[in-house]
């Protein structure tokens, strides 16, 4: 096969018609457009994921809006699939509990909050017909029964979450270990638990601030007492009246006494029958406290910042978790307690719903009184140390008396046997000296100035003890005479 060989000395003439430059500019333009579109997409993703305040829907500019709610078609069992069957079960349990908390929170926000807040609205107090308030409350009893069932369900979910977490973080070495959990923190579960506690807290605050509801309830109870005294007049069988009275007492104690959250945190979380130990579980207590601190750290950093969204609601949840931790384990993290109270300087009040305002400092001091008791115990400890030191000083004083008393009472010091008689003039001289020393404090030349001096009193008491002349000194009635004189000439003082 013949091969054509081109001489290296021969080259084509270079010819530039501008097509290469045009092609380069077109590619750069396309690349610039691609970068701009890609940057715009990244910015949109960042804004969607970032916890910051974006554009708010303006009703006047956009009167019509589509509300798109995603509905999950798959179940939790279908979504949670790993190679570890035990891990599948653990995650499924926690996911189911978190889902239950979300449903309870949604039900509270859409049904119970509004039902309580709007009770008695639209009716003027001056135009209320006699008996209308009782009728309105009578119709409201069924709603309160539903609320009672809802609160009881919240209690059960709180206990279930605590039990499941305690089973995972178990300090009992003899107990069967479900899965290795060291270094694993289910913070999202604690966040949902805090949200549920905030729901109960909000119900408490609504009840506390709803004067109309409380007034109507009192009027309804008075009506029920009248019916109880004469049931035949109202055609009500007495055997049906007593169960109804018990129901009202239950509703009042559970809902209207401001104890909804308190009753939740004071539940019995230990269940020996099921083998669940919570209060003595040190590993769970440490994990619980760790998650509270972690959530609080993320919340505190954004409170008061321009990017703040729902951090104040989460702060209320942290306070609820702190109270729950205290009631379960009966221990207080003083540093965290102080940090929670310090946030009150930036956020003295939190709006829970509508016009319901919650004051975190009051809440913490009321729900965690042991923290105050702990502070008092520190003071008691200091006072105890002072008392102990004082007692040691007393022993030292006795030792000094025992050493020097024989010498002072010896025959060569008989001239001191009437020492007690010169104590009154010595006292007068000391008082005059003290007054002159105090007056020198206001003068330029402060030489010899003094504010107080207890050496004289201690010295006189010590010498009287050495000489055993206390009884003789008391026979002079010196203190009584001074007191009587001061009562006669008060103007001088």
Protein backbone atom coordinates (compact mmCIF):
# COMPACT_ATOMS: atom_id res chain seq x y z
CA UNK A 1 0.00 0.00 0.00
CA UNK A 2 1.40 3.35 -1.10
CA UNK A 3 1.77 6.07 1.55
CA UNK A 4 1.65 9.75 0.58
CA UNK A 5 4.38 11.72 2.22
CA UNK A 6 3.95 15.51 2.56
CA UNK A 7 7.05 17.53 2.57
CA UNK A 8 7.63 19.30 5.90
CA UNK A 9 8.72 22.40 4.07
CA UNK A 10 5.23 22.96 2.66
CA UNK A 11 2.37 24.45 4.77
CA UNK A 12 -1.19 25.68 4.15
CA UNK A 13 -1.68 29.43 4.19
CA UNK A 14 -3.47 30.59 7.39
CA UNK A 15 -6.93 32.01 6.70
CA UNK A 16 -9.19 33.48 9.48
CA UNK A 17 -12.75 34.26 8.51
CA UNK A 18 -13.94 35.10 12.13
CA UNK A 19 -16.02 31.93 12.56
CA UNK A 20 -13.90 30.66 15.47
CA UNK A 21 -14.45 33.88 17.45
CA UNK A 22 -18.19 33.78 16.86
CA UNK A 23 -18.32 30.15 17.97
CA UNK A 24 -16.37 31.00 21.16
CA UNK A 25 -18.71 33.85 22.02
CA UNK A 26 -21.76 31.63 21.52
CA UNK A 27 -20.34 28.97 23.83
CA UNK A 28 -19.46 31.55 26.48
CA UNK A 29 -22.95 33.00 26.27
CA UNK A 30 -24.51 29.56 26.70
CA UNK A 31 -22.19 28.77 29.58
CA UNK A 32 -23.02 32.10 31.28
CA UNK A 33 -26.74 31.38 30.90
CA UNK A 34 -26.23 27.92 32.37
CA UNK A 35 -24.38 29.34 35.38
CA UNK A 36 -27.09 31.93 36.01
CA UNK A 37 -29.85 29.33 35.88
CA UNK A 38 -27.87 26.95 38.09
CA UNK A 39 -27.15 29.74 40.61
CA UNK A 40 -30.83 30.64 40.68
CA UNK A 41 -31.76 27.01 41.35
CA UNK A 42 -29.22 26.71 44.15
CA UNK A 43 -30.49 29.95 45.69
CA UNK A 44 -34.05 28.65 45.56
CA UNK A 45 -33.01 25.42 47.26
CA UNK A 46 -31.11 27.37 49.93
CA UNK A 47 -34.10 29.62 50.64
CA UNK A 48 -36.39 26.61 50.85
CA UNK A 49 -34.17 24.80 53.35
CA UNK A 50 -32.89 27.77 55.34
CA UNK A 51 -34.69 28.78 58.54
CA UNK A 52 -35.26 32.36 57.52
CA UNK A 53 -38.21 34.60 56.83
CA UNK A 54 -39.00 34.74 53.11
CA UNK A 55 -41.70 36.40 51.06
CA UNK A 56 -45.07 36.37 52.82
CA UNK A 57 -48.27 35.82 50.89
CA UNK A 58 -50.07 39.14 50.47
CA UNK A 59 -53.83 38.63 50.45
CA UNK A 60 -54.45 41.97 48.73
CA UNK A 61 -52.13 41.21 45.81
CA UNK A 62 -52.96 37.50 45.56
CA UNK A 63 -56.61 37.01 46.59
CA UNK A 64 -56.60 33.41 45.40
CA UNK A 65 -54.09 30.80 46.51
CA UNK A 66 -53.80 27.07 46.15
CA UNK A 67 -53.22 25.18 49.37
CA UNK A 68 -51.33 22.03 48.49
CA UNK A 69 -51.13 19.51 51.30
CA UNK A 70 -49.01 16.45 50.62
CA UNK A 71 -50.55 13.17 51.65
CA UNK A 72 -48.24 10.29 52.45
CA UNK A 73 -49.44 7.18 50.70
CA UNK A 74 -46.81 4.88 52.24
CA UNK A 75 -46.93 3.53 55.76
CA UNK A 76 -44.10 3.73 58.27
CA UNK A 77 -43.39 0.03 57.83
CA UNK A 78 -42.84 0.59 54.12
CA UNK A 79 -40.64 3.64 54.65
CA UNK A 80 -38.39 2.14 57.32
CA UNK A 81 -36.33 -0.62 55.81
CA UNK A 82 -32.76 -1.43 56.82
CA UNK A 83 -30.70 -4.58 57.05
CA UNK A 84 -30.92 -4.47 60.85
CA UNK A 85 -34.30 -5.79 62.00
CA UNK A 86 -33.85 -4.51 65.56
CA UNK A 87 -33.04 -1.03 64.29
CA UNK A 88 -36.15 -1.17 62.10
CA UNK A 89 -38.30 -1.84 65.14
CA UNK A 90 -36.67 0.93 67.22
CA UNK A 91 -37.05 3.55 64.51
CA UNK A 92 -40.60 2.41 63.75
CA UNK A 93 -41.63 2.83 67.39
CA UNK A 94 -40.14 6.31 67.68
CA UNK A 95 -41.54 7.37 64.30
CA UNK A 96 -45.02 6.18 65.31
CA UNK A 97 -44.83 8.12 68.57
CA UNK A 98 -43.65 11.28 66.78
CA UNK A 99 -46.47 10.88 64.28
CA UNK A 100 -48.94 10.54 67.15
CA UNK A 101 -47.59 13.74 68.73
CA UNK A 102 -48.06 15.60 65.44
CA UNK A 103 -51.66 14.41 65.20
CA UNK A 104 -52.41 15.44 68.79
CA UNK A 105 -50.83 18.84 68.25
CA UNK A 106 -52.83 19.35 65.04
CA UNK A 107 -56.05 18.37 66.81
CA UNK A 108 -55.33 20.78 69.66
CA UNK A 109 -54.57 23.68 67.30
CA UNK A 110 -57.56 23.14 65.03
CA UNK A 111 -60.19 22.05 67.53
CA UNK A 112 -59.54 22.58 71.23
CA UNK A 113 -57.67 25.90 71.22
CA UNK A 114 -60.36 27.60 69.15
CA UNK A 115 -63.21 25.95 71.03
CA UNK A 116 -61.89 27.27 74.34
CA UNK A 117 -60.82 30.71 73.10
CA UNK A 118 -64.12 31.47 71.38
CA UNK A 119 -66.31 30.30 74.24
CA UNK A 120 -68.59 33.16 75.33
CA UNK A 121 -67.68 35.36 72.38
CA UNK A 122 -70.37 37.50 70.74
CA UNK A 123 -72.47 37.85 73.90
CA UNK A 124 -72.37 41.08 75.90
CA UNK A 125 -72.27 40.70 79.67
CA UNK A 126 -74.98 43.34 80.09
CA UNK A 127 -77.37 41.68 77.67
CA UNK A 128 -77.11 38.13 79.04
CA UNK A 129 -80.52 36.72 79.93
CA UNK A 130 -80.87 35.05 83.32
CA UNK A 131 -79.95 31.41 82.93
CA UNK A 132 -78.31 31.85 79.52
CA UNK A 133 -74.82 31.35 80.97
CA UNK A 134 -75.84 28.04 82.55
CA UNK A 135 -77.38 26.86 79.28
CA UNK A 136 -74.25 27.79 77.38
CA UNK A 137 -72.06 25.91 79.85
CA UNK A 138 -74.41 22.91 79.74
CA UNK A 139 -73.93 22.71 76.00
CA UNK A 140 -70.18 23.03 76.49
CA UNK A 141 -69.89 20.02 78.82
CA UNK A 142 -69.62 17.57 75.92
CA UNK A 143 -66.69 19.60 74.52
CA UNK A 144 -64.98 19.47 77.91
CA UNK A 145 -65.47 15.70 77.98
CA UNK A 146 -63.73 15.42 74.61
CA UNK A 147 -60.95 17.66 75.92
CA UNK A 148 -60.60 15.42 78.97
CA UNK A 149 -60.17 12.37 76.74
CA UNK A 150 -57.65 14.28 74.64
CA UNK A 151 -55.60 15.26 77.71
CA UNK A 152 -55.65 11.67 78.99
CA UNK A 153 -54.37 10.50 75.62
CA UNK A 154 -51.55 13.06 75.79
CA UNK A 155 -50.60 11.67 79.21
CA UNK A 156 -50.42 8.15 77.78
CA UNK A 157 -48.25 9.25 74.86
CA UNK A 158 -45.85 11.09 77.21
CA UNK A 159 -45.49 7.97 79.37
CA UNK A 160 -44.98 5.79 76.30
CA UNK A 161 -42.25 8.04 74.92
CA UNK A 162 -40.45 8.12 78.28
CA UNK A 163 -40.69 4.33 78.61
CA UNK A 164 -39.35 3.71 75.10
CA UNK A 165 -36.41 6.05 75.61
CA UNK A 166 -35.66 4.59 79.05
CA UNK A 167 -35.65 1.08 77.57
CA UNK A 168 -33.08 2.13 74.95
CA UNK A 169 -30.79 3.95 77.41
CA UNK A 170 -30.71 1.55 80.33
CA UNK A 171 -28.04 1.74 83.04
CA UNK A 172 -29.01 -1.65 84.49
CA UNK A 173 -26.20 -4.02 83.53
CA UNK A 174 -28.40 -7.06 84.15
CA UNK A 175 -31.09 -5.91 81.75
CA UNK A 176 -31.22 -7.16 78.18
CA UNK A 177 -29.68 -4.62 75.82
CA UNK A 178 -31.93 -3.89 72.86
CA UNK A 179 -29.31 -2.26 70.66
CA UNK A 180 -26.02 -0.42 71.08
CA UNK A 181 -27.07 3.20 71.65
CA UNK A 182 -23.91 4.86 72.89
CA UNK A 183 -23.24 8.00 70.92
CA UNK A 184 -26.70 7.90 69.29
CA UNK A 185 -29.08 10.73 70.23
CA UNK A 186 -32.71 10.73 69.13
CA UNK A 187 -33.02 14.48 69.49
CA UNK A 188 -36.09 14.65 67.24
CA UNK A 189 -38.01 12.46 69.71
CA UNK A 190 -37.26 14.84 72.56
CA UNK A 191 -38.31 17.78 70.39
CA UNK A 192 -41.68 16.14 69.74
CA UNK A 193 -42.04 15.37 73.44
CA UNK A 194 -41.44 19.06 74.15
CA UNK A 195 -44.09 20.02 71.59
CA UNK A 196 -46.63 17.81 73.34
CA UNK A 197 -45.80 19.37 76.70
CA UNK A 198 -46.30 22.82 75.16
CA UNK A 199 -49.80 21.72 74.06
CA UNK A 200 -50.67 20.89 77.68
CA UNK A 201 -49.05 24.12 78.85
CA UNK A 202 -51.12 26.11 76.35
CA UNK A 203 -54.34 24.49 77.55
CA UNK A 204 -53.41 25.46 81.10
CA UNK A 205 -52.78 29.07 80.12
CA UNK A 206 -56.03 29.31 78.14
CA UNK A 207 -58.01 28.03 81.11
CA UNK A 208 -56.18 30.35 83.49
CA UNK A 209 -56.88 33.46 81.40
CA UNK A 210 -60.49 32.62 80.45
CA UNK A 211 -62.53 34.48 83.08
CA UNK A 212 -65.82 34.01 81.25
CA UNK A 213 -65.42 30.25 81.20
CA UNK A 214 -64.58 30.13 84.90
CA UNK A 215 -67.49 32.39 85.83
CA UNK A 216 -69.97 30.31 83.83
CA UNK A 217 -68.59 27.15 85.41
CA UNK A 218 -69.21 28.52 88.90
CA UNK A 219 -72.75 29.53 87.97
CA UNK A 220 -73.39 26.09 86.51
CA UNK A 221 -72.17 24.39 89.70
CA UNK A 222 -74.48 26.58 91.80
CA UNK A 223 -77.34 25.56 89.54
CA UNK A 224 -76.41 21.92 90.01
CA UNK A 225 -76.52 22.36 93.79
CA UNK A 226 -80.04 23.73 93.53
CA UNK A 227 -81.03 20.74 91.43
CA UNK A 228 -79.40 18.40 93.94
CA UNK A 229 -81.48 19.81 96.82
CA UNK A 230 -84.74 19.40 94.89
CA UNK A 231 -84.29 16.92 92.01
CA UNK A 232 -88.03 16.23 91.74
CA UNK A 233 -88.74 19.83 90.75
CA UNK A 234 -86.48 19.47 87.71
CA UNK A 235 -87.66 15.93 86.85
CA UNK A 236 -84.16 14.49 87.21
CA UNK A 237 -83.65 11.05 88.83
CA UNK A 238 -81.30 11.28 91.79
CA UNK A 239 -79.40 8.14 90.74
CA UNK A 240 -78.35 9.92 87.52
CA UNK A 241 -77.44 13.15 89.27
CA UNK A 242 -74.62 11.73 91.39
CA UNK A 243 -72.60 10.30 88.46
CA UNK A 244 -72.98 13.62 86.68
CA UNK A 245 -71.66 15.47 89.74
CA UNK A 246 -68.67 13.12 89.82
CA UNK A 247 -68.05 13.85 86.15
CA UNK A 248 -68.07 17.60 86.79
CA UNK A 249 -65.65 17.19 89.70
CA UNK A 250 -63.34 15.17 87.45
CA UNK A 251 -63.48 17.77 84.69
CA UNK A 252 -62.82 20.58 87.13
CA UNK A 253 -59.87 18.86 88.77
CA UNK A 254 -58.32 17.81 85.46
CA UNK A 255 -58.95 20.87 83.30
CA UNK A 256 -59.98 23.95 85.25
CA UNK A 257 -57.59 23.95 88.21
CA UNK A 258 -54.50 24.77 86.12
CA UNK A 259 -53.00 21.32 86.72
CA UNK A 260 -53.03 19.83 83.21
CA UNK A 261 -49.26 19.97 82.73
CA UNK A 262 -48.50 19.42 86.40
CA UNK A 263 -50.52 16.19 86.48
CA UNK A 264 -48.65 15.01 83.38
CA UNK A 265 -45.14 15.51 84.77
CA UNK A 266 -46.13 14.06 88.15
CA UNK A 267 -47.29 10.75 86.67
CA UNK A 268 -45.79 7.50 87.87
CA UNK A 269 -43.28 6.68 85.14
CA UNK A 270 -41.75 3.66 86.86
CA UNK A 271 -43.60 0.45 86.02
CA UNK A 272 -42.16 -2.49 87.99
CA UNK A 273 -44.76 -4.85 86.52
CA UNK A 274 -43.45 -4.21 83.02
CA UNK A 275 -39.85 -4.08 84.23
CA UNK A 276 -39.46 -0.41 83.32
CA UNK A 277 -37.24 1.63 85.65
CA UNK A 278 -37.08 5.33 84.85
CA UNK A 279 -36.33 7.44 87.92
CA UNK A 280 -33.25 5.38 88.90
CA UNK A 281 -31.96 5.05 85.34
CA UNK A 282 -28.80 7.18 85.42
CA UNK A 283 -27.97 6.56 81.74
CA UNK A 284 -31.39 7.79 80.65
CA UNK A 285 -31.18 10.79 82.99
CA UNK A 286 -27.85 11.79 81.45
CA UNK A 287 -29.13 11.30 77.89
CA UNK A 288 -32.30 13.27 78.70
CA UNK A 289 -30.27 16.18 80.10
CA UNK A 290 -27.86 16.07 77.15
CA UNK A 291 -30.68 16.45 74.61
CA UNK A 292 -32.24 19.31 76.59
CA UNK A 293 -28.93 21.17 76.55
CA UNK A 294 -28.44 20.46 72.83
CA UNK A 295 -31.91 21.69 71.86
CA UNK A 296 -31.57 24.74 74.09
CA UNK A 297 -28.19 25.64 72.55
CA UNK A 298 -29.67 25.63 69.04
CA UNK A 299 -32.70 27.64 70.16
CA UNK A 300 -30.87 30.22 72.27
CA UNK A 301 -28.50 31.19 69.45
CA UNK A 302 -31.37 32.34 67.20
CA UNK A 303 -33.73 33.99 69.68
CA UNK A 304 -33.86 37.68 68.91
CA UNK A 305 -32.07 37.26 65.57
CA UNK A 306 -33.57 38.31 62.20
CA UNK A 307 -33.71 34.64 61.16
CA UNK A 308 -35.84 33.69 64.16
CA UNK A 309 -39.02 31.81 63.24
CA UNK A 310 -40.39 29.39 65.86
CA UNK A 311 -37.53 29.42 68.34
CA UNK A 312 -39.71 30.90 71.08
CA UNK A 313 -42.14 28.00 70.78
CA UNK A 314 -39.18 25.62 70.96
CA UNK A 315 -37.93 27.50 74.02
CA UNK A 316 -41.26 26.76 75.70
CA UNK A 317 -40.72 23.10 74.78
CA UNK A 318 -37.25 23.14 76.35
CA UNK A 319 -38.72 24.57 79.55
CA UNK A 320 -41.35 21.81 79.53
CA UNK A 321 -38.66 19.15 79.08
CA UNK A 322 -36.63 20.69 81.90
CA UNK A 323 -39.63 20.51 84.25
CA UNK A 324 -40.35 16.90 83.20
CA UNK A 325 -36.71 15.93 83.80
CA UNK A 326 -36.83 17.48 87.25
CA UNK A 327 -40.02 15.67 88.28
CA UNK A 328 -38.76 12.31 87.02
CA UNK A 329 -35.21 12.35 88.35
CA UNK A 330 -35.52 14.98 91.12
CA UNK A 331 -32.31 16.69 90.11
CA UNK A 332 -31.63 20.21 88.86
CA UNK A 333 -28.90 21.32 86.50
CA UNK A 334 -28.15 24.69 88.12
CA UNK A 335 -26.19 25.96 85.13
CA UNK A 336 -28.97 25.12 82.68
CA UNK A 337 -31.61 26.50 85.05
CA UNK A 338 -29.74 29.81 85.21
CA UNK A 339 -29.34 29.83 81.41
CA UNK A 340 -33.08 29.29 80.94
CA UNK A 341 -33.84 32.19 83.25
CA UNK A 342 -31.28 34.39 81.49
CA UNK A 343 -33.21 33.99 78.23
CA UNK A 344 -36.14 35.69 79.99
CA UNK A 345 -34.14 38.93 79.83
CA UNK A 346 -34.40 38.79 76.03
CA UNK A 347 -37.81 37.11 75.92
CA UNK A 348 -39.80 38.06 79.03
CA UNK A 349 -43.01 36.67 77.51
CA UNK A 350 -44.00 34.23 74.76
CA UNK A 351 -47.28 34.30 72.83
CA UNK A 352 -48.52 30.71 72.76
CA UNK A 353 -51.73 31.20 70.78
CA UNK A 354 -54.01 34.18 70.00
CA UNK A 355 -53.81 36.53 73.00
CA UNK A 356 -52.48 33.93 75.45
CA UNK A 357 -49.14 35.12 76.83
CA UNK A 358 -46.83 32.84 78.81
CA UNK A 359 -44.15 34.07 81.23
CA UNK A 360 -41.27 31.57 81.36
CA UNK A 361 -39.63 32.94 84.53
CA UNK A 362 -42.84 32.54 86.53
CA UNK A 363 -43.36 29.09 85.03
CA UNK A 364 -39.88 27.86 85.96
CA UNK A 365 -39.96 29.19 89.53
CA UNK A 366 -43.41 27.66 90.09
CA UNK A 367 -42.76 24.28 88.47
CA UNK A 368 -39.19 23.78 89.70
CA UNK A 369 -39.29 24.95 93.32
CA UNK A 370 -36.43 22.61 94.17
CA UNK A 371 -34.09 24.92 92.33
CA UNK A 372 -34.93 27.64 94.82
CA UNK A 373 -34.69 25.12 97.62
CA UNK A 374 -31.28 24.16 96.27
CA UNK A 375 -30.18 27.78 96.44
CA UNK A 376 -31.49 27.98 99.98
CA UNK A 377 -29.64 24.77 100.82
CA UNK A 378 -26.41 26.43 99.69
CA UNK A 379 -27.17 29.33 102.03
CA UNK A 380 -27.93 26.85 104.80
CA UNK A 381 -24.60 25.19 104.13
CA UNK A 382 -22.81 28.52 104.42
CA UNK A 383 -24.67 29.32 107.62
CA UNK A 384 -23.82 25.86 108.89
CA UNK A 385 -20.14 26.50 108.24
CA UNK A 386 -20.40 29.82 110.07
CA UNK A 387 -22.12 28.12 112.98
CA UNK A 388 -19.48 25.41 113.00
CA UNK A 389 -16.72 27.99 112.96
CA UNK A 390 -18.51 29.89 115.71
CA UNK A 391 -18.72 26.72 117.76
CA UNK A 392 -15.01 26.13 117.24
CA UNK A 393 -14.43 29.72 118.35
CA UNK A 394 -16.49 29.05 121.48
CA UNK A 395 -14.36 26.01 122.27
CA UNK A 396 -11.25 28.13 121.78
CA UNK A 397 -12.69 30.75 124.14
CA UNK A 398 -13.31 28.08 126.78
CA UNK A 399 -9.74 26.90 126.40
CA UNK A 400 -8.43 30.44 126.96
CA UNK A 401 -10.61 30.77 130.07
CA UNK A 402 -9.37 27.45 131.44
CA UNK A 403 -5.72 28.47 130.95
CA UNK A 404 -5.83 32.02 132.38
CA UNK A 405 -8.61 31.79 135.00
CA UNK A 406 -6.39 30.32 137.78
CA UNK A 407 -3.85 33.11 137.31
CA UNK A 408 -6.48 35.90 137.39
CA UNK A 409 -8.12 34.44 140.49
CA UNK A 410 -4.86 33.90 142.38
CA UNK A 411 -4.03 35.76 145.62
CA UNK A 412 -1.52 38.08 143.93
CA UNK A 413 -4.35 39.56 141.81
CA UNK A 414 -6.73 40.27 144.69
CA UNK A 415 -6.92 43.89 143.54
CA UNK A 416 -9.14 42.69 140.69
CA UNK A 417 -11.86 41.33 142.98
CA UNK A 418 -13.90 44.54 142.52
CA UNK A 419 -13.26 44.83 138.78
CA UNK A 420 -16.96 44.53 137.99
CA UNK A 421 -17.63 47.84 139.78
CA UNK A 422 -15.58 49.89 137.32
CA UNK A 423 -17.23 48.36 134.22
CA UNK A 424 -20.05 51.03 134.09
CA UNK A 425 -17.68 54.05 134.02
CA UNK A 426 -15.41 52.19 131.58
CA UNK A 427 -18.46 51.63 129.32
CA UNK A 428 -19.42 55.32 129.40
CA UNK A 429 -15.84 56.27 128.54
CA UNK A 430 -15.82 53.78 125.67
CA UNK A 431 -19.09 55.15 124.25
CA UNK A 432 -17.78 58.72 124.35
CA UNK A 433 -14.57 57.58 122.69
CA UNK A 434 -16.54 55.78 119.93
CA UNK A 435 -18.65 58.89 119.26
CA UNK A 436 -15.55 61.06 118.91
CA UNK A 437 -13.99 58.49 116.53
CA UNK A 438 -17.09 58.50 114.31
CA UNK A 439 -17.17 62.30 114.22
CA UNK A 440 -13.61 62.30 112.88
CA UNK A 441 -14.82 60.44 109.77
CA UNK A 442 -16.31 63.70 108.42
CA UNK A 443 -13.18 65.75 109.06
CA UNK A 444 -10.17 66.24 106.84
CA UNK A 445 -7.81 64.92 109.48
CA UNK A 446 -9.08 61.38 109.96
CA UNK A 447 -6.39 60.34 112.41
CA UNK A 448 -8.00 58.11 115.03
CA UNK A 449 -11.28 57.85 113.08
CA UNK A 450 -13.24 54.62 113.39
CA UNK A 451 -16.69 53.34 112.51
CA UNK A 452 -17.02 50.47 114.95
CA UNK A 453 -14.98 48.63 117.53
CA UNK A 454 -16.12 45.48 119.30
CA UNK A 455 -12.84 44.82 121.10
CA UNK A 456 -13.97 46.55 124.29
CA UNK A 457 -17.11 44.43 124.75
CA UNK A 458 -15.25 41.19 124.03
CA UNK A 459 -12.45 42.15 126.43
CA UNK A 460 -14.82 43.06 129.29
CA UNK A 461 -16.81 39.85 128.82
CA UNK A 462 -13.62 37.80 128.81
CA UNK A 463 -12.22 39.41 131.99
CA UNK A 464 -15.54 39.02 133.82
CA UNK A 465 -15.51 35.33 132.90
CA UNK A 466 -11.89 34.90 134.04
CA UNK A 467 -12.70 36.54 137.37
CA UNK A 468 -16.05 34.73 137.68
CA UNK A 469 -17.80 38.05 138.37
CA UNK A 470 -20.85 37.73 136.09
CA UNK A 471 -23.28 37.49 139.00
CA UNK A 472 -21.70 40.42 140.79
CA UNK A 473 -21.88 42.54 137.62
CA UNK A 474 -25.55 41.61 137.10
CA UNK A 475 -26.30 42.76 140.65
CA UNK A 476 -25.48 46.32 139.55
CA UNK A 477 -28.42 46.26 137.06
CA UNK A 478 -26.29 48.36 134.73
CA UNK A 479 -28.02 47.37 131.49
CA UNK A 480 -31.45 47.98 132.98
CA UNK A 481 -30.40 51.42 134.20
CA UNK A 482 -29.04 52.36 130.77
CA UNK A 483 -32.27 51.16 129.11
CA UNK A 484 -34.44 53.17 131.48
CA UNK A 485 -32.33 56.26 130.90
CA UNK A 486 -32.62 55.93 127.13
CA UNK A 487 -36.39 55.65 127.41
CA UNK A 488 -36.52 58.88 129.43
CA UNK A 489 -34.33 60.96 127.09
CA UNK A 490 -35.16 59.69 123.55
CA UNK A 491 -34.66 63.14 122.04
CA UNK A 492 -30.93 63.00 122.76
CA UNK A 493 -30.64 59.85 120.64
